[in-house]
N, C-alpha and C. Protein backbone atom coordinates (compact mmCIF):
# COMPACT_ATOMS: atom_id res chain seq x y z
N UNK A 1 0.92 -1.30 -0.01
CA UNK A 1 0.05 0.13 0.02
C UNK A 1 0.70 1.16 0.01
N UNK A 2 0.27 2.33 -0.48
CA UNK A 2 1.09 3.58 -0.57
C UNK A 2 -0.12 4.63 -0.66
N UNK A 3 0.50 5.82 -0.42
CA UNK A 3 -0.47 7.09 -0.60
C UNK A 3 -0.62 7.22 -2.01
N UNK A 4 -1.77 7.64 -2.45
CA UNK A 4 -2.00 7.84 -4.03
C UNK A 4 -1.51 9.48 -4.17
N UNK A 5 -0.65 9.42 -5.14
CA UNK A 5 -0.20 10.73 -5.43
C UNK A 5 -1.32 11.55 -6.06
N UNK A 6 -2.08 11.09 -6.85
CA UNK A 6 -3.37 11.64 -7.41
C UNK A 6 -4.24 12.11 -6.28
N UNK A 7 -4.47 11.40 -5.21
CA UNK A 7 -5.42 11.58 -4.19
C UNK A 7 -4.75 12.77 -3.28
N UNK A 8 -3.36 12.87 -2.97
CA UNK A 8 -2.70 13.50 -2.32
C UNK A 8 -2.58 15.03 -2.95
N UNK A 9 -2.59 15.09 -4.33
CA UNK A 9 -2.55 16.36 -5.15
C UNK A 9 -3.91 17.01 -4.94
N UNK A 10 -5.09 16.09 -5.06
CA UNK A 10 -6.45 16.72 -4.77
C UNK A 10 -6.58 17.23 -3.45
N UNK A 11 -5.88 16.65 -2.38
CA UNK A 11 -5.90 17.09 -1.01
C UNK A 11 -4.99 18.34 -0.87
N UNK A 12 -4.23 18.58 -1.89
CA UNK A 12 -3.30 19.81 -1.85
C UNK A 12 -1.80 19.55 -1.60
N UNK A 13 -1.32 18.46 -1.85
CA UNK A 13 0.07 18.02 -1.66
C UNK A 13 0.56 17.76 -3.14
N UNK A 14 1.20 18.88 -3.74
CA UNK A 14 1.82 18.73 -5.16
C UNK A 14 3.25 18.82 -4.95
N UNK A 15 4.02 18.24 -5.80
CA UNK A 15 5.49 18.16 -5.65
C UNK A 15 6.00 19.72 -5.62
N UNK A 16 6.64 20.01 -4.62
CA UNK A 16 7.37 21.42 -4.30
C UNK A 16 6.32 22.49 -3.89
N UNK A 17 5.02 22.10 -3.68
CA UNK A 17 3.96 22.89 -3.18
C UNK A 17 3.97 23.07 -1.64
N UNK A 18 3.12 23.93 -1.21
CA UNK A 18 2.89 24.16 0.20
C UNK A 18 1.77 23.53 0.82
N UNK A 19 2.15 22.80 1.94
CA UNK A 19 1.00 22.25 2.71
C UNK A 19 1.05 22.96 4.11
N UNK A 20 -0.19 23.64 4.47
CA UNK A 20 -0.18 24.52 5.44
C UNK A 20 -1.11 23.82 6.64
N UNK A 21 -0.56 23.65 7.76
CA UNK A 21 -1.29 22.97 8.82
C UNK A 21 -0.64 23.34 10.16
N UNK A 22 -1.67 23.75 11.05
CA UNK A 22 -1.32 23.82 12.53
C UNK A 22 -0.48 25.23 12.56
N UNK A 23 -0.61 26.11 11.69
CA UNK A 23 0.25 27.42 11.56
C UNK A 23 1.68 27.30 10.95
N UNK A 24 1.91 26.13 10.30
CA UNK A 24 3.07 25.86 9.69
C UNK A 24 2.95 25.62 8.23
N UNK A 25 3.97 26.26 7.41
CA UNK A 25 3.89 25.91 6.04
C UNK A 25 5.11 24.97 5.51
N UNK A 26 4.65 23.77 5.18
CA UNK A 26 5.48 22.78 4.96
C UNK A 26 5.79 22.77 3.38
N UNK A 27 7.05 22.41 2.98
CA UNK A 27 7.05 22.29 1.40
C UNK A 27 7.01 20.69 1.17
N UNK A 28 5.87 20.32 0.29
CA UNK A 28 5.99 18.92 0.11
C UNK A 28 7.07 18.53 -0.92
N UNK A 29 7.69 17.31 -0.70
CA UNK A 29 8.83 16.93 -1.40
C UNK A 29 8.51 17.12 -3.05
N UNK A 30 9.47 17.46 -3.69
CA UNK A 30 9.54 17.72 -5.05
C UNK A 30 10.12 16.50 -5.80
N UNK A 31 9.57 15.41 -5.87
CA UNK A 31 10.19 14.11 -6.50
C UNK A 31 9.35 13.60 -7.59
N UNK A 32 9.99 12.82 -8.46
CA UNK A 32 9.14 12.31 -9.66
C UNK A 32 8.20 11.25 -9.19
N UNK A 33 7.19 11.04 -9.88
CA UNK A 33 6.15 10.01 -9.48
C UNK A 33 6.97 8.56 -9.28
N UNK A 34 6.59 7.87 -8.18
CA UNK A 34 7.22 6.66 -7.81
C UNK A 34 8.60 6.72 -7.16
N UNK A 35 9.04 8.04 -6.99
CA UNK A 35 10.31 8.18 -6.30
C UNK A 35 9.96 8.22 -4.81
N UNK A 36 10.92 7.92 -3.89
CA UNK A 36 10.59 8.15 -2.42
C UNK A 36 10.39 9.67 -2.22
N UNK A 37 9.34 9.90 -1.40
CA UNK A 37 9.05 11.22 -1.08
C UNK A 37 8.93 11.49 0.56
N UNK A 38 9.52 10.45 1.28
CA UNK A 38 9.66 10.50 2.80
C UNK A 38 10.82 9.69 3.23
N UNK A 39 11.16 9.97 4.44
CA UNK A 39 12.10 9.41 5.11
C UNK A 39 11.64 8.41 6.06
N UNK A 40 11.95 7.07 5.83
CA UNK A 40 11.60 6.09 7.01
C UNK A 40 12.38 6.32 8.12
N UNK A 41 12.02 6.70 9.21
CA UNK A 41 12.78 6.84 10.37
C UNK A 41 13.39 5.73 11.03
N UNK A 42 14.65 6.02 11.53
CA UNK A 42 15.41 4.79 12.31
C UNK A 42 16.64 4.54 11.77
N UNK A 43 17.53 4.24 12.63
CA UNK A 43 18.92 3.81 12.05
C UNK A 43 19.94 4.76 12.51
N UNK A 44 19.51 5.91 12.80
CA UNK A 44 20.39 7.07 13.19
C UNK A 44 20.98 7.91 11.99
N UNK A 45 21.85 8.91 12.30
CA UNK A 45 22.23 9.77 11.39
C UNK A 45 21.39 10.38 10.34
N UNK A 46 20.23 10.45 10.61
CA UNK A 46 19.24 11.18 9.69
C UNK A 46 19.00 12.66 10.13
N UNK A 47 19.88 13.47 9.42
CA UNK A 47 19.92 14.90 9.79
C UNK A 47 19.22 15.74 8.78
N UNK A 48 18.40 16.54 9.18
CA UNK A 48 17.71 17.50 8.27
C UNK A 48 18.19 18.86 8.51
N UNK A 49 18.83 19.40 7.51
CA UNK A 49 19.12 20.98 7.76
C UNK A 49 17.96 21.82 7.77
N UNK A 50 17.85 22.76 8.63
CA UNK A 50 16.55 23.64 8.84
C UNK A 50 17.11 25.15 8.63
N UNK A 51 16.25 25.86 7.74
CA UNK A 51 16.41 27.19 7.48
C UNK A 51 15.22 27.89 8.26
N UNK A 52 15.25 28.22 9.54
CA UNK A 52 14.20 28.65 10.14
C UNK A 52 13.56 29.98 9.72
N UNK A 53 12.12 30.12 9.74
CA UNK A 53 11.59 31.41 9.27
C UNK A 53 12.00 32.39 10.33
N UNK A 54 11.92 33.73 9.79
CA UNK A 54 12.37 34.76 10.69
C UNK A 54 11.50 34.89 11.93
N UNK A 55 12.09 34.89 13.19
CA UNK A 55 11.35 35.14 14.24
C UNK A 55 10.89 33.63 14.82
N UNK A 56 11.10 32.65 14.04
CA UNK A 56 10.62 31.25 14.51
C UNK A 56 10.74 30.93 15.96
N UNK A 57 9.62 30.55 16.63
CA UNK A 57 9.61 30.11 17.93
C UNK A 57 9.21 28.63 18.12
N UNK A 58 8.60 28.03 17.00
CA UNK A 58 8.26 26.47 17.12
C UNK A 58 8.82 25.90 15.76
N UNK A 59 8.52 24.41 16.06
CA UNK A 59 9.12 23.58 14.93
C UNK A 59 8.00 22.60 14.89
N UNK A 60 7.54 21.96 13.76
CA UNK A 60 6.81 20.76 13.54
C UNK A 60 7.37 20.02 12.43
N UNK A 61 6.94 18.69 12.36
CA UNK A 61 7.21 17.93 11.34
C UNK A 61 6.01 17.25 10.82
N UNK A 62 6.14 17.05 9.33
CA UNK A 62 4.97 16.48 8.72
C UNK A 62 5.19 15.02 8.44
N UNK A 63 4.21 14.19 8.74
CA UNK A 63 4.47 12.73 8.46
C UNK A 63 3.35 11.92 8.91
N UNK A 64 3.64 10.68 9.02
CA UNK A 64 2.74 9.66 9.58
C UNK A 64 3.50 8.44 10.05
N UNK A 65 2.56 7.45 10.46
CA UNK A 65 3.17 6.16 10.93
C UNK A 65 2.44 5.23 10.14
N UNK A 66 3.11 3.89 9.93
CA UNK A 66 2.36 2.79 9.28
C UNK A 66 2.45 1.67 10.33
N UNK A 67 1.60 0.67 10.30
CA UNK A 67 1.72 -0.47 11.13
C UNK A 67 1.32 -0.14 12.60
N UNK A 68 0.66 1.06 12.97
CA UNK A 68 0.39 1.53 14.27
C UNK A 68 1.03 2.83 14.60
N UNK A 69 0.64 3.58 15.50
CA UNK A 69 1.27 4.80 15.82
C UNK A 69 2.70 4.68 16.36
N UNK A 70 3.64 5.73 16.18
CA UNK A 70 5.01 5.55 16.48
C UNK A 70 5.44 6.90 17.14
N UNK A 71 6.41 6.61 18.20
CA UNK A 71 7.13 7.86 18.89
C UNK A 71 8.53 7.69 18.83
N UNK A 72 9.15 8.73 19.03
CA UNK A 72 10.72 8.66 18.95
C UNK A 72 11.15 10.11 19.57
N UNK A 73 12.55 10.07 19.79
CA UNK A 73 12.97 11.46 20.25
C UNK A 73 13.86 12.17 19.14
N UNK A 74 13.40 13.47 18.82
CA UNK A 74 14.41 14.23 17.94
C UNK A 74 15.37 15.11 18.71
N UNK A 75 16.54 15.39 17.96
CA UNK A 75 17.57 16.39 18.53
C UNK A 75 17.56 17.49 17.75
N UNK A 76 17.43 18.67 18.22
CA UNK A 76 17.43 19.90 17.61
C UNK A 76 18.79 20.48 17.90
N UNK A 77 19.58 20.93 16.84
CA UNK A 77 21.04 21.23 16.98
C UNK A 77 20.94 22.95 16.60
N UNK A 78 21.60 23.79 17.40
CA UNK A 78 21.42 25.24 17.19
C UNK A 78 22.91 25.48 16.67
N UNK A 79 22.90 26.70 16.02
CA UNK A 79 24.26 27.05 15.30
C UNK A 79 25.31 27.36 16.52
N UNK A 80 25.11 27.29 17.69
CA UNK A 80 25.94 27.76 18.67
C UNK A 80 26.56 26.32 19.12
N UNK A 81 25.92 25.21 18.68
CA UNK A 81 26.32 23.83 19.09
C UNK A 81 25.56 23.10 20.28
N UNK A 82 24.51 24.01 20.81
CA UNK A 82 23.91 23.54 21.86
C UNK A 82 22.67 22.62 21.28
N UNK A 83 22.13 21.73 22.04
CA UNK A 83 21.18 20.71 21.56
C UNK A 83 19.89 20.73 22.53
N UNK A 84 18.91 20.24 21.94
CA UNK A 84 17.63 20.14 22.62
C UNK A 84 16.86 18.85 22.16
N UNK A 85 16.40 18.07 23.17
CA UNK A 85 15.63 16.82 22.65
C UNK A 85 14.12 17.03 22.91
N UNK A 86 13.36 16.51 22.12
CA UNK A 86 11.95 16.44 22.14
C UNK A 86 11.45 15.26 21.70
N UNK A 87 10.36 14.66 22.35
CA UNK A 87 9.46 13.45 21.84
C UNK A 87 8.62 13.90 20.78
N UNK A 88 8.62 13.27 19.63
CA UNK A 88 7.37 13.38 18.71
C UNK A 88 6.75 12.02 18.48
N UNK A 89 5.60 12.29 18.06
CA UNK A 89 4.71 11.00 17.62
C UNK A 89 3.88 11.19 16.36
N UNK A 90 3.74 10.02 15.84
CA UNK A 90 2.71 10.06 14.65
C UNK A 90 1.66 9.11 14.71
N UNK A 91 0.64 9.46 14.51
CA UNK A 91 -0.63 8.65 14.41
C UNK A 91 -0.57 7.66 13.21
N UNK A 92 -1.05 6.61 13.12
CA UNK A 92 -1.19 5.65 12.20
C UNK A 92 -1.77 6.40 10.91
N UNK A 93 -1.30 6.16 9.68
CA UNK A 93 -1.72 6.81 8.56
C UNK A 93 -3.11 6.55 8.25
N UNK A 94 -3.77 5.26 8.55
CA UNK A 94 -5.25 5.08 8.32
C UNK A 94 -6.06 5.31 9.75
N UNK A 95 -5.48 5.64 10.75
CA UNK A 95 -6.08 5.82 12.11
C UNK A 95 -6.82 4.43 12.33
N UNK A 96 -5.98 3.42 12.25
CA UNK A 96 -6.50 2.13 12.62
C UNK A 96 -7.63 1.62 11.71
N UNK A 97 -7.67 2.09 10.31
CA UNK A 97 -8.73 1.75 9.50
C UNK A 97 -9.95 2.69 9.72
N UNK A 98 -9.78 3.75 10.36
CA UNK A 98 -10.76 4.74 10.56
C UNK A 98 -11.50 4.63 12.02
N UNK A 99 -10.95 3.89 12.73
CA UNK A 99 -11.65 3.63 14.16
C UNK A 99 -10.91 4.65 15.25
N UNK A 100 -9.62 4.99 14.93
CA UNK A 100 -8.94 5.95 16.01
C UNK A 100 -9.14 7.44 15.56
N UNK A 101 -8.54 8.15 16.53
CA UNK A 101 -8.52 9.59 16.42
C UNK A 101 -7.01 9.92 16.39
N UNK A 102 -6.60 11.10 15.84
CA UNK A 102 -5.20 11.40 16.00
C UNK A 102 -4.80 11.47 17.31
N UNK A 103 -3.57 11.16 17.54
CA UNK A 103 -2.83 11.24 18.75
C UNK A 103 -1.60 12.08 18.95
N UNK A 104 -0.98 12.14 20.13
CA UNK A 104 0.22 12.83 20.32
C UNK A 104 0.26 14.43 20.02
N UNK A 105 -1.01 14.93 19.88
CA UNK A 105 -1.17 16.27 19.50
C UNK A 105 -1.12 16.34 18.13
N UNK A 106 -1.19 15.46 17.31
CA UNK A 106 -1.13 15.61 15.96
C UNK A 106 -2.54 16.38 15.23
N UNK A 107 -2.17 17.04 14.28
CA UNK A 107 -3.28 17.90 13.53
C UNK A 107 -3.18 17.14 12.12
N UNK A 108 -4.39 16.79 11.53
CA UNK A 108 -4.45 16.27 10.23
C UNK A 108 -4.25 17.38 9.25
N UNK A 109 -3.17 17.05 8.47
CA UNK A 109 -2.68 18.01 7.53
C UNK A 109 -3.33 17.75 6.13
N UNK A 110 -3.34 16.66 5.80
CA UNK A 110 -4.02 16.00 4.56
C UNK A 110 -4.78 14.88 4.80
N UNK A 111 -5.81 14.59 4.01
CA UNK A 111 -6.81 13.51 4.20
C UNK A 111 -7.08 13.04 2.70
N UNK A 112 -7.00 11.74 2.42
CA UNK A 112 -7.27 11.26 1.24
C UNK A 112 -8.45 10.27 1.61
N UNK A 113 -9.25 9.71 0.65
CA UNK A 113 -10.25 8.69 0.82
C UNK A 113 -9.89 7.44 0.38
N UNK A 114 -8.59 7.21 -0.13
CA UNK A 114 -8.20 5.90 -0.37
C UNK A 114 -6.68 5.91 -0.41
N UNK A 115 -6.25 4.71 -0.56
CA UNK A 115 -4.68 4.51 -0.79
C UNK A 115 -4.59 3.47 -2.11
N UNK A 116 -3.27 3.55 -2.56
CA UNK A 116 -3.02 2.74 -3.65
C UNK A 116 -2.56 1.27 -3.21
N UNK A 117 -2.85 0.35 -3.90
CA UNK A 117 -2.41 -1.05 -3.74
C UNK A 117 -1.49 -1.47 -5.03
N UNK A 118 -0.43 -2.20 -4.71
CA UNK A 118 0.39 -2.60 -5.71
C UNK A 118 -0.44 -3.32 -6.73
N UNK A 119 -0.21 -3.24 -8.02
CA UNK A 119 -0.99 -3.85 -8.93
C UNK A 119 -1.90 -3.01 -9.66
N UNK A 120 -2.10 -1.78 -9.12
CA UNK A 120 -3.06 -0.77 -9.82
C UNK A 120 -4.39 -0.69 -9.15
N UNK A 121 -4.61 -1.35 -8.24
CA UNK A 121 -6.05 -1.04 -7.53
C UNK A 121 -5.87 -0.13 -6.31
N UNK A 122 -7.23 0.33 -5.82
CA UNK A 122 -7.03 1.08 -4.55
C UNK A 122 -7.81 0.45 -3.42
N UNK A 123 -7.63 0.94 -2.27
CA UNK A 123 -8.04 0.31 -1.01
C UNK A 123 -9.12 1.57 -0.47
N UNK A 124 -10.20 1.43 -0.40
CA UNK A 124 -11.06 2.69 0.03
C UNK A 124 -11.01 2.93 1.42
N UNK A 125 -9.70 2.99 1.93
CA UNK A 125 -9.59 3.45 3.55
C UNK A 125 -9.03 4.86 3.45
N UNK A 126 -9.58 5.64 4.35
CA UNK A 126 -9.04 7.05 4.49
C UNK A 126 -7.67 6.97 4.96
N UNK A 127 -6.74 7.72 4.31
CA UNK A 127 -5.41 8.04 4.80
C UNK A 127 -5.09 9.32 5.06
N UNK A 128 -4.20 9.65 6.04
CA UNK A 128 -3.97 10.94 6.56
C UNK A 128 -2.38 11.13 6.47
N UNK A 129 -1.90 12.32 6.58
CA UNK A 129 -0.60 12.85 6.76
C UNK A 129 -0.68 14.03 7.88
N UNK A 130 0.06 13.92 8.87
CA UNK A 130 -0.27 14.72 10.09
C UNK A 130 0.99 15.71 10.37
N UNK A 131 0.83 16.91 10.94
CA UNK A 131 1.73 17.79 11.65
C UNK A 131 1.81 17.41 13.01
N UNK A 132 3.03 17.27 13.54
CA UNK A 132 3.37 17.04 14.90
C UNK A 132 2.89 18.22 15.71
N UNK A 133 2.71 18.02 16.98
CA UNK A 133 2.52 19.07 18.19
C UNK A 133 3.75 19.87 17.90
N UNK A 134 3.62 21.32 18.04
CA UNK A 134 4.68 22.04 17.95
C UNK A 134 5.74 21.95 19.00
N UNK A 135 7.02 22.08 18.73
CA UNK A 135 8.07 21.96 19.59
C UNK A 135 8.61 23.50 19.82
N UNK A 136 8.62 23.81 20.98
CA UNK A 136 9.20 25.33 21.29
C UNK A 136 10.71 25.31 21.17
N UNK A 137 11.04 26.26 20.35
CA UNK A 137 12.63 26.52 20.23
C UNK A 137 13.09 27.43 21.42
N UNK A 138 14.44 27.02 21.59
CA UNK A 138 15.02 27.80 22.75
C UNK A 138 15.21 29.26 22.20
N UNK A 139 14.70 30.08 23.16
CA UNK A 139 14.81 31.43 22.85
C UNK A 139 16.34 32.10 22.66
N UNK A 140 16.49 33.02 21.64
CA UNK A 140 17.85 33.55 21.62
C UNK A 140 18.85 32.74 20.93
N UNK A 141 18.46 31.55 20.29
CA UNK A 141 19.22 30.48 19.59
C UNK A 141 18.74 30.42 18.16
N UNK A 142 19.71 30.13 17.39
CA UNK A 142 19.26 29.94 15.86
C UNK A 142 19.41 28.34 15.31
N UNK A 143 18.16 27.76 15.04
CA UNK A 143 18.27 26.44 14.87
C UNK A 143 18.75 26.16 13.65
N UNK A 144 19.65 24.94 13.49
CA UNK A 144 20.45 24.54 12.37
C UNK A 144 20.00 23.35 11.73
N UNK A 145 19.54 22.43 12.53
CA UNK A 145 19.24 21.03 11.95
C UNK A 145 18.37 20.20 13.14
N UNK A 146 17.71 19.28 12.53
CA UNK A 146 16.97 18.34 13.34
C UNK A 146 17.44 16.99 13.07
N UNK A 147 17.94 16.10 13.95
CA UNK A 147 18.40 14.74 13.87
C UNK A 147 17.05 13.90 14.15
N UNK A 148 16.65 13.05 13.28
CA UNK A 148 15.58 12.27 13.48
C UNK A 148 15.78 11.20 14.48
N UNK A 149 14.71 10.64 15.03
CA UNK A 149 15.03 9.43 16.00
C UNK A 149 15.96 8.37 15.42
N UNK A 150 16.84 7.80 16.32
CA UNK A 150 17.66 6.67 15.80
C UNK A 150 16.91 5.46 15.95
N UNK A 151 15.86 5.38 16.82
CA UNK A 151 14.87 4.26 17.09
C UNK A 151 13.51 4.92 17.34
N UNK A 152 12.46 4.13 17.18
CA UNK A 152 11.13 4.46 17.39
C UNK A 152 10.50 3.39 18.10
N UNK A 153 9.37 3.79 18.96
CA UNK A 153 8.62 2.84 19.60
C UNK A 153 7.25 2.77 18.77
N UNK A 154 6.70 1.52 18.49
CA UNK A 154 5.50 1.38 17.90
C UNK A 154 5.65 1.03 16.28
N UNK A 155 4.91 1.59 15.48
CA UNK A 155 4.91 1.35 13.97
C UNK A 155 6.01 2.00 13.53
N UNK A 156 6.08 2.00 12.03
CA UNK A 156 7.05 2.71 11.29
C UNK A 156 6.88 4.10 11.20
N UNK A 157 7.89 5.03 11.46
CA UNK A 157 7.64 6.46 11.40
C UNK A 157 8.04 7.01 10.01
N UNK A 158 7.23 7.80 9.33
CA UNK A 158 7.66 8.50 8.01
C UNK A 158 7.68 9.93 8.19
N UNK A 159 8.75 10.71 7.78
CA UNK A 159 8.85 12.11 7.66
C UNK A 159 8.69 12.57 6.33
N UNK A 160 7.96 13.60 6.02
CA UNK A 160 7.95 14.18 4.62
C UNK A 160 8.58 15.57 4.52
N UNK A 161 8.48 16.44 5.70
CA UNK A 161 8.71 17.73 5.89
C UNK A 161 8.95 18.18 7.29
N UNK A 162 9.74 19.30 7.35
CA UNK A 162 9.78 20.15 8.56
C UNK A 162 9.63 21.44 8.42
N UNK A 163 9.16 22.21 9.40
CA UNK A 163 8.95 23.59 9.11
C UNK A 163 8.88 24.32 10.58
N UNK A 164 9.18 25.64 10.42
CA UNK A 164 9.14 26.40 11.68
C UNK A 164 8.19 27.63 11.48
N UNK A 165 7.70 28.26 12.50
CA UNK A 165 6.89 29.26 12.52
C UNK A 165 7.16 30.09 13.76
């Protein structure tokens, strides 16, 4: 199973476009159809460079989990070398087949009414992409990067984008 590029575009996620959710403007990955558009989190050394918005006070990640909800610890690194850790969580992309509500303070950023199935068919289950609960940035510091969790608890975590506001 996978997200449907067509359904995501209808919901507002086009390659290189902006997905706005929870006060954050995320840039949807600009990749060719069929190419990976997210990072499956885990294994360590997954560092995302961040160019924070002017006056940014918070950070959020755009993503979801598969095979159940997932949590992990991110490390924020500032230009002065200091770090900050925070726990993030993503709800399962189908919310348990539609029986669950978003958790971990997630906000639904995108919703589609189906997902693609290998071989060309579709599965008529709602699928979602979420924005994490905002992480407060340290005052007086300039954010340089976010290191994704080396390990996660629960399902598989997937990250599409990061944004500040």
